[in-house]
């Protein structure tokens, strides 16, 4: 007997396949596909590929037994969610006949089509799909390195850093200053810092109501700006202060020992510093030769194949996706479309036509949600946003609408984690 969850999963992949014009289980060719990365992109891609082409040998390289999800991790800071609720494993993936190697991929030999893992094992592939995510760039902000991150957490990769920042927030003195450094685009989850500020304010309004939250931004505009700023005034008064590039707010250096943040015009003493540094594609993407001078991965937007190395596809945050943001939703969509395209290519058939969507939910408070959605289509090596096909939450909505959107956000999180991890 098949479980309801498995049935829904198969139904979801069937709907995807039907929308793209490919039949589930119709592709019976054998072959070897290796997937690097066990997050929303890699895990979703492994399951979709196995569902679409059961005869394909699918190997997922994902170190460790637990993946900590970044979406909803800001609720851990707000004190309304546990870090354990962010933890997901790979048991379902392994039960579906996908081989998982619980090691880190350390190199790619693209000439011989092999991935090398930590213990030196070489894993051969016909097609390689990389969903490596991001690495934080510790080389560009003076004073901020891996050691400094223990004193000024970034919490931009969920897990230990999330707990560290949450503990600092809990221990912040009454009336203290929580400062956040926000990088210029591109970076993972464009509205993420502003959701974080909102949920830190939610916690502070209950436990430290005279605290100040200072946002030091390297740009002058940000995702859902009008919605966030209106919500901040409504929910938190003047607790959150945002400053942009034209106000000299770009952070130029930090002193972790003294808890000093230096901007273009000022040195600011803070009690808690959440430093979110610039980012780039993860190191394994550099080693594989699929990044360009920007530090990100140029791809063919239709098939996700690297523009730099044949037979390697790149999905998720590491890609140069232009108008399409770096988000868990986008990574999951990339994964499913890429799985279908690789199935086609391995069968010797032409790639399919597909439009991609992204919806980004943000929580201003646990019961107050806002969102933005877009529809995108491939155009050479980029994704072009289709005009008037998306939209955002209404600016002047009542509390019931915001509460419904918060509920939609929870439903989305439950759905995407089930689809990726089972």
Protein backbone atom coordinates (compact mmCIF):
# COMPACT_ATOMS: atom_id res chain seq x y z
CA UNK A 1 0.00 0.00 0.00
CA UNK A 2 1.17 3.53 -0.71
CA UNK A 3 0.98 6.15 2.02
CA UNK A 4 -1.05 9.33 1.57
CA UNK A 5 2.13 11.40 1.74
CA UNK A 6 3.79 9.34 -1.02
CA UNK A 7 0.63 9.59 -3.08
CA UNK A 8 0.58 13.36 -2.72
CA UNK A 9 4.25 13.55 -3.58
CA UNK A 10 3.73 11.49 -6.73
CA UNK A 11 0.66 13.57 -7.58
CA UNK A 12 2.72 16.73 -7.22
CA UNK A 13 5.42 15.48 -9.58
CA UNK A 14 2.75 14.20 -11.96
CA UNK A 15 1.22 17.68 -12.10
CA UNK A 16 4.64 19.18 -12.74
CA UNK A 17 5.35 16.67 -15.50
CA UNK A 18 1.96 17.21 -17.11
CA UNK A 19 2.43 20.97 -17.09
CA UNK A 20 5.77 20.54 -18.87
CA UNK A 21 4.51 17.94 -21.34
CA UNK A 22 6.39 14.89 -20.05
CA UNK A 23 4.83 11.69 -18.70
CA UNK A 24 5.80 10.44 -15.27
CA UNK A 25 7.73 7.16 -15.49
CA UNK A 26 7.81 7.43 -19.29
CA UNK A 27 11.57 7.95 -19.26
CA UNK A 28 13.11 4.56 -18.67
CA UNK A 29 16.67 5.24 -19.83
CA UNK A 30 19.43 4.27 -17.45
CA UNK A 31 22.09 6.73 -16.47
CA UNK A 32 23.86 8.27 -13.50
CA UNK A 33 22.98 11.66 -12.08
CA UNK A 34 24.86 13.02 -9.10
CA UNK A 35 23.39 15.90 -7.11
CA UNK A 36 25.53 18.06 -4.81
CA UNK A 37 23.68 19.77 -1.98
CA UNK A 38 20.97 18.54 0.38
CA UNK A 39 18.90 21.69 0.84
CA UNK A 40 15.64 22.74 -0.78
CA UNK A 41 17.16 22.58 -4.27
CA UNK A 42 19.17 19.39 -4.06
CA UNK A 43 16.71 17.33 -2.02
CA UNK A 44 13.73 18.38 -4.16
CA UNK A 45 15.67 17.66 -7.35
CA UNK A 46 16.70 14.18 -6.24
CA UNK A 47 13.12 13.18 -5.44
CA UNK A 48 11.68 14.74 -8.60
CA UNK A 49 14.28 13.10 -10.82
CA UNK A 50 13.73 9.67 -9.27
CA UNK A 51 9.96 10.05 -9.64
CA UNK A 52 10.22 11.12 -13.28
CA UNK A 53 12.85 8.53 -14.24
CA UNK A 54 12.97 5.56 -11.85
CA UNK A 55 15.64 3.78 -13.91
CA UNK A 56 18.10 6.62 -13.44
CA UNK A 57 20.70 6.06 -10.73
CA UNK A 58 20.42 9.15 -8.53
CA UNK A 59 23.10 9.95 -5.94
CA UNK A 60 22.68 12.81 -3.47
CA UNK A 61 25.84 14.15 -1.81
CA UNK A 62 24.79 15.87 1.42
CA UNK A 63 27.00 15.84 4.53
CA UNK A 64 25.51 15.18 7.94
CA UNK A 65 22.17 13.71 8.85
CA UNK A 66 20.32 16.96 9.56
CA UNK A 67 19.53 19.98 7.42
CA UNK A 68 18.49 23.18 9.22
CA UNK A 69 16.08 25.26 7.15
CA UNK A 70 16.61 29.01 6.93
CA UNK A 71 12.96 29.88 6.15
CA UNK A 72 11.12 30.37 9.45
CA UNK A 73 14.39 30.45 11.41
CA UNK A 74 13.69 34.08 12.28
CA UNK A 75 10.81 32.78 14.39
CA UNK A 76 13.45 31.10 16.57
CA UNK A 77 14.83 34.57 17.30
CA UNK A 78 11.31 35.74 18.12
CA UNK A 79 11.04 33.00 20.74
CA UNK A 80 7.98 31.36 19.18
CA UNK A 81 9.69 28.45 17.41
CA UNK A 82 12.36 25.94 18.41
CA UNK A 83 15.48 25.26 16.38
CA UNK A 84 14.48 21.57 16.39
CA UNK A 85 11.45 22.56 14.31
CA UNK A 86 13.89 23.67 11.59
CA UNK A 87 15.65 20.29 11.43
CA UNK A 88 15.01 17.82 8.59
CA UNK A 89 16.58 14.49 7.71
CA UNK A 90 17.06 12.30 4.65
CA UNK A 91 15.37 9.02 5.62
CA UNK A 92 12.52 9.41 3.12
CA UNK A 93 14.94 10.26 0.32
CA UNK A 94 17.01 7.16 1.05
CA UNK A 95 13.86 4.99 1.23
CA UNK A 96 12.92 6.07 -2.30
CA UNK A 97 16.00 4.41 -3.79
CA UNK A 98 18.21 7.48 -3.90
CA UNK A 99 21.78 6.80 -2.79
CA UNK A 100 22.92 9.40 -0.27
CA UNK A 101 26.57 9.99 0.47
CA UNK A 102 26.87 11.72 3.85
CA UNK A 103 30.12 13.47 3.02
CA UNK A 104 31.14 16.84 1.70
CA UNK A 105 31.94 17.18 -2.00
CA UNK A 106 35.43 18.66 -2.16
CA UNK A 107 36.17 18.74 -5.89
CA UNK A 108 34.77 18.06 -9.35
CA UNK A 109 36.76 16.49 -12.18
CA UNK A 110 34.56 17.65 -15.03
CA UNK A 111 36.84 16.23 -17.73
CA UNK A 112 36.34 12.71 -16.41
CA UNK A 113 32.86 13.40 -15.02
CA UNK A 114 33.62 12.58 -11.40
CA UNK A 115 32.87 14.16 -8.03
CA UNK A 116 35.44 13.71 -5.27
CA UNK A 117 34.23 13.54 -1.67
CA UNK A 118 36.06 13.97 1.64
CA UNK A 119 37.42 10.44 1.97
CA UNK A 120 38.81 10.53 -1.59
CA UNK A 121 36.06 8.47 -3.19
CA UNK A 122 35.37 9.40 -6.80
CA UNK A 123 31.74 9.23 -7.92
CA UNK A 124 31.07 9.09 -11.65
CA UNK A 125 28.18 10.85 -13.35
CA UNK A 126 26.60 11.35 -16.75
CA UNK A 127 25.02 14.59 -15.57
CA UNK A 128 25.92 16.54 -12.44
CA UNK A 129 23.36 18.84 -10.78
CA UNK A 130 24.82 21.30 -8.29
CA UNK A 131 22.70 22.98 -5.64
CA UNK A 132 25.54 24.13 -3.40
CA UNK A 133 23.92 27.22 -1.92
CA UNK A 134 25.97 30.16 -0.74
CA UNK A 135 29.16 30.81 1.13
CA UNK A 136 29.60 33.95 3.16
CA UNK A 137 32.35 36.16 1.77
CA UNK A 138 34.62 36.83 4.75
CA UNK A 139 37.20 38.61 2.58
CA UNK A 140 35.48 41.94 1.97
CA UNK A 141 34.47 43.48 5.32
CA UNK A 142 37.51 44.50 7.41
CA UNK A 143 37.35 42.99 10.89
CA UNK A 144 34.75 40.37 10.00
CA UNK A 145 36.07 36.84 9.58
CA UNK A 146 34.99 33.38 10.73
CA UNK A 147 36.28 34.04 14.24
CA UNK A 148 34.42 37.36 14.40
CA UNK A 149 31.18 35.55 13.52
CA UNK A 150 31.28 33.96 16.99
CA UNK A 151 30.98 37.46 18.52
CA UNK A 152 28.88 39.12 15.82
CA UNK A 153 26.71 36.29 14.43
CA UNK A 154 25.42 36.36 10.88
CA UNK A 155 22.83 33.56 11.38
CA UNK A 156 22.49 33.45 7.58
CA UNK A 157 23.10 29.71 7.62
CA UNK A 158 20.66 28.20 10.10
CA UNK A 159 21.77 26.09 13.05
CA UNK A 160 24.41 27.01 15.61
CA UNK A 161 24.50 30.61 14.43
CA UNK A 162 20.73 30.92 14.90
CA UNK A 163 21.03 29.80 18.52
CA UNK A 164 23.98 32.12 19.08
CA UNK A 165 22.11 35.20 17.85
CA UNK A 166 18.98 34.21 19.80
CA UNK A 167 21.04 33.95 23.01
CA UNK A 168 22.59 37.37 22.45
CA UNK A 169 19.14 38.87 21.91
CA UNK A 170 17.87 37.29 25.13
CA UNK A 171 20.84 38.68 27.07
CA UNK A 172 20.79 42.17 25.55
CA UNK A 173 20.58 44.85 28.28
CA UNK A 174 17.37 46.79 28.75
CA UNK A 175 17.26 49.65 26.29
CA UNK A 176 20.15 48.12 24.33
CA UNK A 177 20.93 48.50 20.62
CA UNK A 178 20.55 45.59 18.20
CA UNK A 179 22.30 46.54 14.94
CA UNK A 180 22.12 44.66 11.66
CA UNK A 181 24.48 45.11 8.71
CA UNK A 182 22.71 44.36 5.41
CA UNK A 183 24.76 43.79 2.22
CA UNK A 184 24.15 45.01 -1.28
CA UNK A 185 22.44 42.70 -3.76
CA UNK A 186 22.65 39.87 -4.62
CA UNK A 187 22.32 37.74 -1.51
CA UNK A 188 20.19 34.87 -0.22
CA UNK A 189 16.56 35.85 0.54
CA UNK A 190 16.29 39.58 -0.30
CA UNK A 191 13.53 40.33 2.28
CA UNK A 192 15.11 38.13 4.96
CA UNK A 193 16.92 40.87 6.91
CA UNK A 194 13.75 42.96 7.15
CA UNK A 195 11.68 40.01 8.34
CA UNK A 196 14.39 39.35 10.92
CA UNK A 197 14.27 42.95 12.13
CA UNK A 198 10.49 42.63 12.43
CA UNK A 199 10.62 39.47 14.52
CA UNK A 200 13.44 40.79 16.70
CA UNK A 201 11.15 43.77 17.31
CA UNK A 202 8.30 41.40 18.13
CA UNK A 203 10.43 39.73 20.79
CA UNK A 204 11.76 43.04 22.09
CA UNK A 205 8.32 44.63 22.34
CA UNK A 206 7.43 41.96 24.87
CA UNK A 207 10.71 41.56 26.76
CA UNK A 208 12.77 44.71 26.14
CA UNK A 209 10.39 47.45 24.99
CA UNK A 210 12.93 50.29 25.18
CA UNK A 211 15.41 48.47 22.91
CA UNK A 212 16.46 49.97 19.59
CA UNK A 213 16.84 48.02 16.32
CA UNK A 214 19.17 49.75 13.87
CA UNK A 215 19.33 48.57 10.26
CA UNK A 216 22.47 49.66 8.40
CA UNK A 217 21.85 48.97 4.72
CA UNK A 218 24.29 49.03 1.78
CA UNK A 219 21.45 49.99 -0.58
CA UNK A 220 18.67 52.56 -0.75
CA UNK A 221 15.74 50.29 -1.61
CA UNK A 222 14.76 46.80 -0.56
CA UNK A 223 12.17 44.09 -1.18
CA UNK A 224 8.63 44.89 0.01
CA UNK A 225 9.92 48.18 1.42
CA UNK A 226 6.59 50.00 1.57
CA UNK A 227 4.89 47.01 3.20
CA UNK A 228 7.64 46.57 5.79
CA UNK A 229 7.96 50.23 6.75
CA UNK A 230 4.19 50.66 7.10
CA UNK A 231 4.01 47.53 9.24
CA UNK A 232 6.89 48.67 11.44
CA UNK A 233 5.13 51.92 12.22
CA UNK A 234 1.89 50.09 12.91
CA UNK A 235 3.32 47.32 15.07
CA UNK A 236 6.49 48.71 16.64
CA UNK A 237 6.37 52.51 16.54
CA UNK A 238 9.89 53.91 16.31
CA UNK A 239 11.71 50.82 17.65
CA UNK A 240 13.11 49.98 14.17
CA UNK A 241 15.31 52.56 12.46
CA UNK A 242 16.41 51.88 8.89
CA UNK A 243 19.25 53.80 7.24
CA UNK A 244 20.30 53.35 3.63
CA UNK A 245 23.35 53.92 1.45
CA UNK A 246 22.63 57.59 0.72
CA UNK A 247 22.53 58.22 4.48
CA UNK A 248 26.03 56.83 4.87
CA UNK A 249 24.81 53.64 6.53
CA UNK A 250 26.94 51.15 4.58
CA UNK A 251 29.07 49.23 7.08
CA UNK A 252 32.76 49.54 6.17
CA UNK A 253 34.41 47.67 9.08
CA UNK A 254 33.68 46.10 12.46
CA UNK A 255 35.51 45.63 15.75
CA UNK A 256 34.01 42.51 17.36
CA UNK A 257 35.91 42.80 20.66
CA UNK A 258 34.59 46.31 21.25
CA UNK A 259 31.21 45.70 19.56
CA UNK A 260 31.83 48.64 17.25
CA UNK A 261 30.31 48.99 13.79
CA UNK A 262 31.89 51.54 11.46
CA UNK A 263 29.80 53.08 8.67
CA UNK A 264 30.76 55.60 6.00
CA UNK A 265 30.27 58.43 8.49
CA UNK A 266 30.05 57.05 12.01
CA UNK A 267 31.38 54.55 14.55
CA UNK A 268 28.48 52.99 16.43
CA UNK A 269 28.74 51.15 19.73
CA UNK A 270 26.12 48.39 19.88
CA UNK A 271 25.03 45.67 22.29
CA UNK A 272 24.24 43.00 19.68
CA UNK A 273 25.63 43.08 16.13
CA UNK A 274 24.05 40.88 13.48
CA UNK A 275 26.50 41.15 10.57
CA UNK A 276 25.22 39.72 7.29
CA UNK A 277 28.24 39.81 4.96
CA UNK A 278 28.26 39.73 1.16
CA UNK A 279 27.85 36.29 -0.36
CA UNK A 280 28.90 34.15 -3.31
CA UNK A 281 28.28 30.65 -4.63
CA UNK A 282 29.62 27.96 -2.31
CA UNK A 283 33.25 26.90 -2.58
CA UNK A 284 32.52 23.65 -4.43
CA UNK A 285 31.04 25.71 -7.29
CA UNK A 286 34.31 27.64 -7.54
CA UNK A 287 36.25 24.35 -7.57
CA UNK A 288 34.00 22.93 -10.28
CA UNK A 289 34.74 25.93 -12.49
CA UNK A 290 31.10 26.97 -12.86
CA UNK A 291 31.45 30.46 -11.34
CA UNK A 292 32.50 33.60 -13.18
CA UNK A 293 34.19 36.75 -11.87
CA UNK A 294 31.03 37.74 -9.98
CA UNK A 295 31.37 34.66 -7.75
CA UNK A 296 28.04 33.28 -9.02
CA UNK A 297 27.12 30.67 -11.64
CA UNK A 298 25.99 31.65 -15.15
CA UNK A 299 23.52 29.14 -16.59
CA UNK A 300 21.32 28.46 -19.56
CA UNK A 301 18.01 29.52 -18.04
CA UNK A 302 16.00 26.89 -19.91
CA UNK A 303 17.99 23.80 -18.89
CA UNK A 304 20.06 25.15 -15.95
CA UNK A 305 23.19 23.80 -17.63
CA UNK A 306 26.33 25.74 -16.79
CA UNK A 307 27.52 28.16 -19.45
CA UNK A 308 31.08 27.33 -18.45
CA UNK A 309 31.20 23.52 -18.05
CA UNK A 310 29.24 20.97 -20.08
CA UNK A 311 27.06 18.34 -18.38
CA UNK A 312 26.88 20.30 -15.13
CA UNK A 313 23.60 21.97 -14.15
CA UNK A 314 23.34 24.55 -11.35
CA UNK A 315 20.16 25.39 -9.44
CA UNK A 316 19.15 27.47 -6.44
CA UNK A 317 20.94 30.30 -4.67
CA UNK A 318 24.27 29.80 -6.48
CA UNK A 319 22.87 30.73 -9.90
CA UNK A 320 22.80 34.04 -11.71
CA UNK A 321 19.04 34.19 -12.12
CA UNK A 322 18.71 37.95 -12.68
CA UNK A 323 15.13 38.99 -11.91
CA UNK A 324 14.39 35.74 -10.08
CA UNK A 325 15.44 36.07 -6.42
CA UNK A 326 17.51 33.65 -4.37
CA UNK A 327 14.93 31.89 -2.20
CA UNK A 328 13.89 28.45 -1.01
CA UNK A 329 10.79 28.69 -3.18
CA UNK A 330 12.92 29.46 -6.25
CA UNK A 331 15.37 26.65 -5.45
CA UNK A 332 12.50 24.16 -5.20
CA UNK A 333 11.06 25.34 -8.54
CA UNK A 334 14.50 25.25 -10.19
CA UNK A 335 14.90 21.70 -8.86
CA UNK A 336 11.71 20.32 -10.35
CA UNK A 337 12.16 21.97 -13.75
CA UNK A 338 15.83 20.95 -13.89
CA UNK A 339 14.87 17.35 -13.07
CA UNK A 340 12.46 17.33 -16.01
CA UNK A 341 15.02 18.92 -18.35
CA UNK A 342 17.77 16.46 -17.38
CA UNK A 343 15.31 13.60 -17.92
CA UNK A 344 14.64 14.95 -21.40
CA UNK A 345 18.30 15.50 -22.26
CA UNK A 346 19.37 12.04 -21.07
CA UNK A 347 16.64 10.55 -23.27
CA UNK A 348 18.02 12.45 -26.26
CA UNK A 349 14.96 14.67 -26.46
CA UNK A 350 14.79 18.48 -26.71
CA UNK A 351 14.34 20.59 -23.57
CA UNK A 352 10.86 21.63 -22.53
CA UNK A 353 9.34 25.08 -22.31
CA UNK A 354 8.50 26.24 -18.81
CA UNK A 355 7.58 29.34 -16.89
CA UNK A 356 8.72 29.56 -13.28
CA UNK A 357 7.09 31.22 -10.29
CA UNK A 358 8.38 32.51 -6.99
CA UNK A 359 6.36 33.57 -3.97
CA UNK A 360 8.08 35.07 -0.97
CA UNK A 361 6.27 35.26 2.36
CA UNK A 362 7.58 37.40 5.20
CA UNK A 363 6.35 37.58 8.77
CA UNK A 364 6.26 41.00 10.43
CA UNK A 365 4.88 39.25 13.50
CA UNK A 366 3.83 35.63 14.01
CA UNK A 367 0.27 36.50 12.98
CA UNK A 368 1.10 39.23 10.43
CA UNK A 369 2.22 38.14 6.95
CA UNK A 370 3.07 39.94 3.72
CA UNK A 371 4.12 38.49 0.37
CA UNK A 372 5.36 39.19 -3.13
CA UNK A 373 5.04 36.89 -6.16
CA UNK A 374 6.52 36.86 -9.63
CA UNK A 375 6.37 34.78 -12.81
CA UNK A 376 9.51 34.31 -14.90
CA UNK A 377 10.49 32.85 -18.25
CA UNK A 378 13.87 31.84 -19.66
CA UNK A 379 15.52 34.23 -22.07
CA UNK A 380 18.95 32.94 -23.04
CA UNK A 381 21.11 32.98 -19.94
CA UNK A 382 18.68 34.86 -17.72
CA UNK A 383 15.18 34.79 -16.28
CA UNK A 384 12.92 37.62 -17.37
CA UNK A 385 10.03 38.66 -15.15
CA UNK A 386 6.70 38.65 -16.96
CA UNK A 387 5.09 42.03 -16.48
CA UNK A 388 1.87 42.16 -14.45
CA UNK A 389 1.91 38.40 -13.86
CA UNK A 390 2.84 38.71 -10.18
CA UNK A 391 2.08 41.14 -7.41
CA UNK A 392 2.39 41.86 -3.72
CA UNK A 393 0.18 42.14 -0.68
CA UNK A 394 -2.10 45.19 -0.61
CA UNK A 395 -0.56 48.09 1.27
CA UNK A 396 -3.70 49.01 3.17
CA UNK A 397 -5.10 45.70 4.33
CA UNK A 398 -6.82 44.94 7.59
CA UNK A 399 -5.58 42.58 10.29
CA UNK A 400 -7.60 39.63 8.99
CA UNK A 401 -5.77 39.75 5.63
CA UNK A 402 -2.38 39.89 7.35
CA UNK A 403 -3.37 36.97 9.58
CA UNK A 404 -4.43 34.91 6.56
CA UNK A 405 -1.11 35.61 4.85
CA UNK A 406 0.73 34.44 7.96
CA UNK A 407 -1.31 31.24 7.75
CA UNK A 408 -0.42 30.86 4.06
CA UNK A 409 3.25 31.22 4.99
CA UNK A 410 2.97 28.33 7.46
CA UNK A 411 1.16 26.17 4.90
CA UNK A 412 3.85 26.96 2.33
CA UNK A 413 6.64 25.99 4.74
CA UNK A 414 4.96 22.70 5.62
CA UNK A 415 4.40 21.95 1.94
CA UNK A 416 7.90 22.73 0.70
CA UNK A 417 9.64 20.85 3.50
CA UNK A 418 7.43 17.80 2.87
CA UNK A 419 8.19 17.96 -0.84
CA UNK A 420 11.95 18.27 -0.25
CA UNK A 421 12.46 15.94 2.72
CA UNK A 422 9.28 13.85 3.02
